[in-house]
């Protein structure tokens, strides 16, 4: 739910989720929608995610680090270039993310709803 109260950050309303496991992807989509996000799109691989970003850039993205036969770091690089905020969802520890992205939020898998809600809040 978006907030119209001053000082309370609103949620991003266009979120891209990059997740190769269809069950996890659907669960994340449901959870994010239940939190009040209007538009959630799912991509299962790097090529699809990059095409979706070019077609219509999201306001925020949640990236699974380890996709089938690839990592999501090319997506992270593109989002960084476009200045689109994102977080990683990973079962890997901090060592699974390159130093260039060490400042990005990392959510554990499975992702707790409250942690997801925190990263979906707009930051000014």
C-alpha atoms as a PDB file:
ATOM      1  CA  UNK A   1       0.000   0.000   0.000  1.00  0.00           C
ATOM      2  CA  UNK A   2       1.301   3.384  -0.878  1.00  0.00           C
ATOM      3  CA  UNK A   3       1.291   6.035   1.774  1.00  0.00           C
ATOM      4  CA  UNK A   4       0.180   9.617   1.428  1.00  0.00           C
ATOM      5  CA  UNK A   5       1.468  10.515   4.878  1.00  0.00           C
ATOM      6  CA  UNK A   6       4.358  13.004   4.901  1.00  0.00           C
ATOM      7  CA  UNK A   7       7.629  11.445   6.002  1.00  0.00           C
ATOM      8  CA  UNK A   8       6.471   7.861   5.308  1.00  0.00           C
ATOM      9  CA  UNK A   9       8.207   6.481   2.224  1.00  0.00           C
ATOM     10  CA  UNK A  10       6.019   5.008  -0.481  1.00  0.00           C
ATOM     11  CA  UNK A  11       6.635   1.684  -2.154  1.00  0.00           C
ATOM     12  CA  UNK A  12       8.093   1.417  -5.608  1.00  0.00           C
ATOM     13  CA  UNK A  13       5.207   0.624  -7.945  1.00  0.00           C
ATOM     14  CA  UNK A  14       7.058  -1.023 -10.873  1.00  0.00           C
ATOM     15  CA  UNK A  15       9.283  -3.878  -9.701  1.00  0.00           C
ATOM     16  CA  UNK A  16      11.265  -6.393 -11.730  1.00  0.00           C
ATOM     17  CA  UNK A  17      11.992  -9.735 -10.079  1.00  0.00           C
ATOM     18  CA  UNK A  18      14.739 -11.864 -11.644  1.00  0.00           C
ATOM     19  CA  UNK A  19      14.313 -15.416 -10.377  1.00  0.00           C
ATOM     20  CA  UNK A  20      14.783 -18.688 -12.252  1.00  0.00           C
ATOM     21  CA  UNK A  21      12.729 -20.898  -9.923  1.00  0.00           C
ATOM     22  CA  UNK A  22       9.071 -20.506 -10.989  1.00  0.00           C
ATOM     23  CA  UNK A  23       7.677 -21.383  -7.544  1.00  0.00           C
ATOM     24  CA  UNK A  24       9.899 -18.837  -5.795  1.00  0.00           C
ATOM     25  CA  UNK A  25       9.141 -16.247  -8.517  1.00  0.00           C
ATOM     26  CA  UNK A  26       5.374 -16.663  -8.094  1.00  0.00           C
ATOM     27  CA  UNK A  27       5.723 -16.490  -4.311  1.00  0.00           C
ATOM     28  CA  UNK A  28       7.731 -13.271  -4.554  1.00  0.00           C
ATOM     29  CA  UNK A  29       5.254 -11.805  -7.024  1.00  0.00           C
ATOM     30  CA  UNK A  30       2.344 -12.582  -4.663  1.00  0.00           C
ATOM     31  CA  UNK A  31       4.175 -11.211  -1.629  1.00  0.00           C
ATOM     32  CA  UNK A  32       5.241  -8.010  -3.400  1.00  0.00           C
ATOM     33  CA  UNK A  33       1.723  -7.481  -4.766  1.00  0.00           C
ATOM     34  CA  UNK A  34       0.262  -8.113  -1.302  1.00  0.00           C
ATOM     35  CA  UNK A  35       2.578  -5.411   0.060  1.00  0.00           C
ATOM     36  CA  UNK A  36       0.885  -2.941  -2.302  1.00  0.00           C
ATOM     37  CA  UNK A  37       3.110  -2.823  -5.387  1.00  0.00           C
ATOM     38  CA  UNK A  38       0.996  -2.276  -8.514  1.00  0.00           C
ATOM     39  CA  UNK A  39       3.176  -3.875 -11.196  1.00  0.00           C
ATOM     40  CA  UNK A  40       5.508  -6.842 -10.715  1.00  0.00           C
ATOM     41  CA  UNK A  41       7.241  -8.390 -13.723  1.00  0.00           C
ATOM     42  CA  UNK A  42       9.227 -11.637 -13.628  1.00  0.00           C
ATOM     43  CA  UNK A  43      12.275 -12.612 -15.680  1.00  0.00           C
ATOM     44  CA  UNK A  44      13.946 -16.010 -15.390  1.00  0.00           C
ATOM     45  CA  UNK A  45      17.255 -15.182 -17.089  1.00  0.00           C
ATOM     46  CA  UNK A  46      19.670 -12.373 -17.902  1.00  0.00           C
ATOM     47  CA  UNK A  47      18.622 -11.882 -21.541  1.00  0.00           C
ATOM     48  CA  UNK A  48      14.920 -11.593 -20.695  1.00  0.00           C
ATOM     49  CA  UNK A  49      15.601  -9.239 -17.787  1.00  0.00           C
ATOM     50  CA  UNK A  50      17.785  -6.945 -19.908  1.00  0.00           C
ATOM     51  CA  UNK A  51      15.133  -6.867 -22.655  1.00  0.00           C
ATOM     52  CA  UNK A  52      12.439  -6.027 -20.092  1.00  0.00           C
ATOM     53  CA  UNK A  53      14.575  -3.218 -18.659  1.00  0.00           C
ATOM     54  CA  UNK A  54      15.060  -1.728 -22.129  1.00  0.00           C
ATOM     55  CA  UNK A  55      11.358  -2.087 -22.944  1.00  0.00           C
ATOM     56  CA  UNK A  56      10.229  -0.408 -19.713  1.00  0.00           C
ATOM     57  CA  UNK A  57      12.654   0.324 -16.930  1.00  0.00           C
ATOM     58  CA  UNK A  58      11.467  -0.726 -13.470  1.00  0.00           C
ATOM     59  CA  UNK A  59      11.657   1.555 -10.450  1.00  0.00           C
ATOM     60  CA  UNK A  60      13.306  -1.241  -8.459  1.00  0.00           C
ATOM     61  CA  UNK A  61      14.609  -4.756  -9.090  1.00  0.00           C
ATOM     62  CA  UNK A  62      15.163  -7.840  -6.963  1.00  0.00           C
ATOM     63  CA  UNK A  63      17.856 -10.086  -8.417  1.00  0.00           C
ATOM     64  CA  UNK A  64      18.489 -13.725  -7.628  1.00  0.00           C
ATOM     65  CA  UNK A  65      22.297 -14.023  -7.790  1.00  0.00           C
ATOM     66  CA  UNK A  66      22.499 -17.579  -9.097  1.00  0.00           C
ATOM     67  CA  UNK A  67      20.387 -18.241 -12.170  1.00  0.00           C
ATOM     68  CA  UNK A  68      20.545 -21.406 -14.269  1.00  0.00           C
ATOM     69  CA  UNK A  69      24.026 -21.414 -15.856  1.00  0.00           C
ATOM     70  CA  UNK A  70      24.535 -17.676 -15.214  1.00  0.00           C
ATOM     71  CA  UNK A  71      24.728 -14.982 -12.562  1.00  0.00           C
ATOM     72  CA  UNK A  72      22.644 -11.792 -12.476  1.00  0.00           C
ATOM     73  CA  UNK A  73      25.589  -9.374 -12.364  1.00  0.00           C
ATOM     74  CA  UNK A  74      25.118  -8.129 -15.965  1.00  0.00           C
ATOM     75  CA  UNK A  75      21.632  -7.033 -14.916  1.00  0.00           C
ATOM     76  CA  UNK A  76      23.057  -5.342 -11.816  1.00  0.00           C
ATOM     77  CA  UNK A  77      25.554  -3.467 -14.002  1.00  0.00           C
ATOM     78  CA  UNK A  78      22.785  -2.249 -16.324  1.00  0.00           C
ATOM     79  CA  UNK A  79      20.597  -1.162 -13.413  1.00  0.00           C
ATOM     80  CA  UNK A  80      23.549   0.691 -11.876  1.00  0.00           C
ATOM     81  CA  UNK A  81      24.181   2.507 -15.151  1.00  0.00           C
ATOM     82  CA  UNK A  82      20.515   3.555 -15.257  1.00  0.00           C
ATOM     83  CA  UNK A  83      20.583   4.485 -11.544  1.00  0.00           C
ATOM     84  CA  UNK A  84      17.765   2.068 -10.764  1.00  0.00           C
ATOM     85  CA  UNK A  85      17.892   0.757  -7.201  1.00  0.00           C
ATOM     86  CA  UNK A  86      18.074  -2.997  -6.696  1.00  0.00           C
ATOM     87  CA  UNK A  87      18.737  -5.683  -4.126  1.00  0.00           C
ATOM     88  CA  UNK A  88      20.072  -9.206  -4.362  1.00  0.00           C
ATOM     89  CA  UNK A  89      18.170 -12.254  -3.171  1.00  0.00           C
ATOM     90  CA  UNK A  90      20.636 -15.010  -2.497  1.00  0.00           C
ATOM     91  CA  UNK A  91      21.402 -18.122  -0.553  1.00  0.00           C
ATOM     92  CA  UNK A  92      25.087 -17.241  -0.929  1.00  0.00           C
ATOM     93  CA  UNK A  93      26.943 -15.239   1.692  1.00  0.00           C
ATOM     94  CA  UNK A  94      28.528 -11.846   1.089  1.00  0.00           C
ATOM     95  CA  UNK A  95      31.351 -13.546  -0.812  1.00  0.00           C
ATOM     96  CA  UNK A  96      28.824 -14.464  -3.553  1.00  0.00           C
ATOM     97  CA  UNK A  97      28.492 -10.821  -4.596  1.00  0.00           C
ATOM     98  CA  UNK A  98      31.316  -8.865  -6.309  1.00  0.00           C
ATOM     99  CA  UNK A  99      32.879  -5.984  -4.371  1.00  0.00           C
ATOM    100  CA  UNK A 100      31.376  -3.511  -6.870  1.00  0.00           C
ATOM    101  CA  UNK A 101      27.938  -4.371  -5.476  1.00  0.00           C
ATOM    102  CA  UNK A 102      28.876  -4.778  -1.811  1.00  0.00           C
ATOM    103  CA  UNK A 103      26.763  -1.731  -0.905  1.00  0.00           C
ATOM    104  CA  UNK A 104      23.569  -3.240  -2.342  1.00  0.00           C
ATOM    105  CA  UNK A 105      21.055  -4.843   0.000  1.00  0.00           C
ATOM    106  CA  UNK A 106      21.112  -8.639   0.154  1.00  0.00           C
ATOM    107  CA  UNK A 107      18.064 -10.595   1.195  1.00  0.00           C
ATOM    108  CA  UNK A 108      18.291 -14.226   2.272  1.00  0.00           C
ATOM    109  CA  UNK A 109      16.427 -17.025   0.555  1.00  0.00           C
ATOM    110  CA  UNK A 110      13.742 -17.669   1.510  1.00  0.00           C
ATOM    111  CA  UNK A 111      13.079 -13.949   1.824  1.00  0.00           C
ATOM    112  CA  UNK A 112      11.180 -12.751   4.910  1.00  0.00           C
ATOM    113  CA  UNK A 113       8.251 -10.478   4.020  1.00  0.00           C
ATOM    114  CA  UNK A 114       9.331  -7.750   6.446  1.00  0.00           C
ATOM    115  CA  UNK A 115      12.824  -7.594   4.901  1.00  0.00           C
ATOM    116  CA  UNK A 116      11.278  -7.404   1.444  1.00  0.00           C
ATOM    117  CA  UNK A 117       9.001  -4.570   2.572  1.00  0.00           C
ATOM    118  CA  UNK A 118      12.027  -2.603   3.805  1.00  0.00           C
ATOM    119  CA  UNK A 119      13.861  -2.744   0.457  1.00  0.00           C
ATOM    120  CA  UNK A 120      10.694  -1.882  -1.483  1.00  0.00           C
ATOM    121  CA  UNK A 121      10.365   1.480   0.237  1.00  0.00           C
ATOM    122  CA  UNK A 122      11.413   4.488  -1.799  1.00  0.00           C
ATOM    123  CA  UNK A 123      14.379   6.328  -0.398  1.00  0.00           C
ATOM    124  CA  UNK A 124      13.769   9.994  -1.193  1.00  0.00           C
END
